[in-house]
Amino acid sequence: MHGSAVHSMTNGETVTASADVRAPPERIFDALVTREVERWWGSARTYRMTGWAADLRVGGRWSVTVETAAGRHLPASGEFLEIEEPRRIVQTRRYDWDHPTLGRRETKVAWLLEPIAGGTRVTICHGGFAGLAAAATKHAEGWARVLGWLQAYLGTGGLVAAQSTKQR
C-alpha cells in the first residue's frame, strides 16, 4: 500500500484529496491533531509546520506557524467543528496573513479516516473557495503533497511502536 497513488481534484469551489495510508485510523488521527504534525507535515524544500497547538474539542481552537524554506513565519489557525475520534475531524482554517490566492478567507476542512485492508483511506474535503478557482487549484496540489508526506512518514518509521504523542 505504501507508495499508492494520491488523488486530488477540484471543481473550483471544493477540493477533494485521498490516499491510502499504511496505518490504523487511530495512528493517523494522532498524527493529525498532536504536535506530531511538526515531524511530518512539510519538507525542507517547501515549508514546515512549527508551534502546533490544539484544544481538541468541539469549539476548541488550533494554531500553527508555517515556516517557509525562505525563513518566513506564516501563522494559520482555526476551530474544531466536529470530532469523531478516530474517524472524522472537521475544522475551520484561516491564514492569519495575506495568502496570495486565498487572502484571509476562512475555509472548512473535513478529514475522513476509513479503515481498509492494510491501513486507512484518508479523504480530505476542503471547501470555501467559491469565486477563487486559482486558490482551489493550488490547495488541491498542496493536499496531494500533504498526503504524500503522511504516507512517507507512516511508511518509513513514523509508526513508533504503540507510542502516542497526545501533546495537543
Protein backbone atom coordinates (compact mmCIF):
# COMPACT_ATOMS: atom_id res chain seq x y z
CA MET A 1 0.00 0.00 0.00
CA HIS A 2 2.89 2.44 0.72
CA GLY A 3 3.51 4.48 -2.35
CA SER A 4 -0.07 4.03 -3.53
CA ALA A 5 -1.45 6.87 -5.55
CA VAL A 6 -2.59 10.12 -4.02
CA HIS A 7 -5.62 11.58 -5.75
CA SER A 8 -6.66 15.23 -5.60
CA MET A 9 -9.04 17.33 -7.61
CA THR A 10 -11.13 20.46 -7.52
CA ASN A 11 -14.22 21.80 -9.21
CA GLY A 12 -13.02 25.34 -8.47
CA GLU A 13 -15.02 25.62 -5.25
CA THR A 14 -14.17 22.48 -3.28
CA VAL A 15 -11.01 20.38 -3.13
CA THR A 16 -11.08 16.63 -2.59
CA ALA A 17 -7.96 14.55 -1.98
CA SER A 18 -7.46 10.96 -0.88
CA ALA A 19 -4.75 8.41 -0.26
CA ASP A 20 -4.37 5.02 1.32
CA VAL A 21 -2.01 5.06 4.29
CA ARG A 22 -0.44 2.01 5.89
CA ALA A 23 -1.50 2.74 9.46
CA PRO A 24 -4.67 2.35 11.53
CA PRO A 25 -7.10 5.28 11.83
CA GLU A 26 -6.11 5.86 15.48
CA ARG A 27 -2.47 6.36 14.50
CA ILE A 28 -3.32 8.75 11.69
CA PHE A 29 -5.74 10.70 13.88
CA ASP A 30 -2.95 11.29 16.40
CA ALA A 31 -0.57 12.39 13.63
CA LEU A 32 -3.14 14.97 12.50
CA VAL A 33 -4.13 16.54 15.83
CA THR A 34 -1.00 16.46 18.00
CA ARG A 35 2.39 18.16 17.90
CA GLU A 36 3.46 15.20 15.79
CA VAL A 37 2.28 17.38 12.86
CA GLU A 38 5.63 19.15 13.20
CA ARG A 39 7.52 15.91 12.39
CA TRP A 40 5.96 15.07 9.06
CA TRP A 41 3.96 17.97 7.57
CA GLY A 42 6.30 19.70 5.16
CA SER A 43 9.77 19.42 3.71
CA ALA A 44 12.99 21.42 3.78
CA ARG A 45 12.33 22.49 0.16
CA THR A 46 8.80 23.79 0.77
CA TYR A 47 7.76 24.61 4.32
CA ARG A 48 7.49 23.09 7.79
CA MET A 49 4.80 23.30 10.43
CA THR A 50 6.01 24.66 13.77
CA GLY A 51 4.41 25.72 17.03
CA TRP A 52 1.39 23.40 16.74
CA ALA A 53 -1.17 23.93 19.49
CA ALA A 54 -4.68 22.48 19.71
CA ASP A 55 -7.55 22.32 22.15
CA LEU A 56 -9.05 19.12 20.74
CA ARG A 57 -12.74 19.52 21.46
CA VAL A 58 -15.70 20.86 19.51
CA GLY A 59 -15.32 24.63 19.68
CA GLY A 60 -11.62 24.29 20.58
CA ARG A 61 -9.05 26.33 18.69
CA TRP A 62 -5.93 25.19 16.88
CA SER A 63 -2.97 27.15 15.56
CA VAL A 64 0.29 26.51 13.76
CA THR A 65 3.04 28.52 12.10
CA VAL A 66 4.07 27.69 8.55
CA GLU A 67 7.82 28.22 8.30
CA THR A 68 8.80 28.57 4.65
CA ALA A 69 12.07 27.41 3.10
CA ALA A 70 12.93 31.11 2.76
CA GLY A 71 12.51 31.61 6.51
CA ARG A 72 9.14 33.39 6.60
CA HIS A 73 6.82 32.60 9.51
CA LEU A 74 3.17 32.50 8.44
CA PRO A 75 0.52 31.77 11.09
CA ALA A 76 -2.65 29.76 10.45
CA SER A 77 -5.47 28.88 12.81
CA GLY A 78 -9.00 27.61 13.11
CA GLU A 79 -11.64 25.94 15.20
CA PHE A 80 -12.68 22.30 15.56
CA LEU A 81 -16.32 21.97 14.45
CA GLU A 82 -16.75 18.17 14.67
CA ILE A 83 -14.60 15.45 16.19
CA GLU A 84 -15.39 11.75 15.94
CA GLU A 85 -12.18 10.14 17.16
CA PRO A 86 -10.61 8.33 15.31
CA ARG A 87 -12.71 8.63 12.14
CA ARG A 88 -13.53 12.26 11.40
CA ILE A 89 -12.31 15.80 12.02
CA VAL A 90 -14.00 18.93 10.70
CA GLN A 91 -12.27 22.23 11.30
CA THR A 92 -12.14 25.76 10.01
CA ARG A 93 -8.89 27.00 8.55
CA ARG A 94 -7.67 30.53 8.03
CA TYR A 95 -4.32 32.03 7.15
CA ASP A 96 -3.52 34.87 9.52
CA TRP A 97 -1.62 36.58 6.71
CA ASP A 98 -2.48 37.55 3.14
CA HIS A 99 -2.22 34.27 1.21
CA PRO A 100 -1.52 35.09 -2.46
CA THR A 101 -4.60 33.29 -3.83
CA LEU A 102 -6.90 32.98 -0.79
CA GLY A 103 -6.17 36.02 1.32
CA ARG A 104 -7.51 35.56 4.87
CA ARG A 105 -10.71 33.78 3.86
CA GLU A 106 -11.86 31.14 6.33
CA THR A 107 -12.41 27.72 4.77
CA LYS A 108 -13.56 24.37 6.13
CA VAL A 109 -11.56 21.13 6.06
CA ALA A 110 -13.08 17.72 6.74
CA TRP A 111 -10.87 14.67 7.28
CA LEU A 112 -12.38 11.19 6.96
CA LEU A 113 -10.35 8.18 8.11
CA GLU A 114 -11.83 4.91 6.81
CA PRO A 115 -10.33 1.53 7.78
CA ILE A 116 -9.37 -0.57 4.74
CA ALA A 117 -7.35 -3.76 4.33
CA GLY A 118 -3.78 -2.92 5.37
CA GLY A 119 -4.46 0.57 6.68
CA THR A 120 -6.69 3.58 6.26
CA ARG A 121 -8.13 5.58 3.39
CA VAL A 122 -7.63 9.25 4.25
CA THR A 123 -10.00 11.61 2.45
CA ILE A 124 -9.90 15.38 2.70
CA CYS A 125 -12.73 17.66 1.59
CA HIS A 126 -11.74 21.32 1.70
CA GLY A 127 -14.48 23.82 0.89
CA GLY A 128 -14.92 27.55 0.82
CA PHE A 129 -13.19 28.51 -2.43
CA ALA A 130 -16.25 29.91 -4.27
CA GLY A 131 -15.02 32.53 -6.72
CA LEU A 132 -11.37 31.61 -6.10
CA ALA A 133 -10.64 28.79 -8.56
CA ALA A 134 -6.89 29.54 -8.58
CA ALA A 135 -6.79 29.10 -4.79
CA ALA A 136 -8.68 25.81 -5.08
CA THR A 137 -6.20 24.55 -7.68
CA LYS A 138 -3.21 25.50 -5.51
CA HIS A 139 -4.79 23.81 -2.49
CA ALA A 140 -5.53 20.63 -4.49
CA GLU A 141 -1.82 20.48 -5.33
CA GLY A 142 -0.96 21.19 -1.70
CA TRP A 143 -3.22 18.47 -0.28
CA ALA A 144 -1.66 15.95 -2.68
CA ARG A 145 1.76 16.86 -1.24
CA VAL A 146 0.49 16.66 2.35
CA LEU A 147 -0.98 13.19 1.85
CA GLY A 148 2.25 12.07 0.18
CA TRP A 149 4.21 13.29 3.22
CA LEU A 150 1.82 11.45 5.53
CA GLN A 151 2.22 8.24 3.52
CA ALA A 152 6.00 8.55 3.57
CA TYR A 153 6.14 9.34 7.28
CA LEU A 154 3.97 6.48 8.42
CA GLY A 155 5.52 4.07 5.92
CA THR A 156 9.17 4.78 6.80
CA GLY A 157 9.48 4.92 10.55
CA GLY A 158 6.76 7.29 11.62
CA LEU A 159 4.95 4.38 13.23
CA VAL A 160 6.57 4.38 16.65
CA ALA A 161 5.77 1.15 18.47
CA ALA A 162 2.48 1.89 20.23
CA GLN A 163 3.75 5.28 21.35
CA SER A 164 1.15 8.04 21.25
CA THR A 165 2.13 11.69 21.20
CA LYS A 166 -1.02 13.23 22.62
CA GLN A 167 0.56 16.67 23.18
CA ARG A 168 -2.07 18.89 21.67
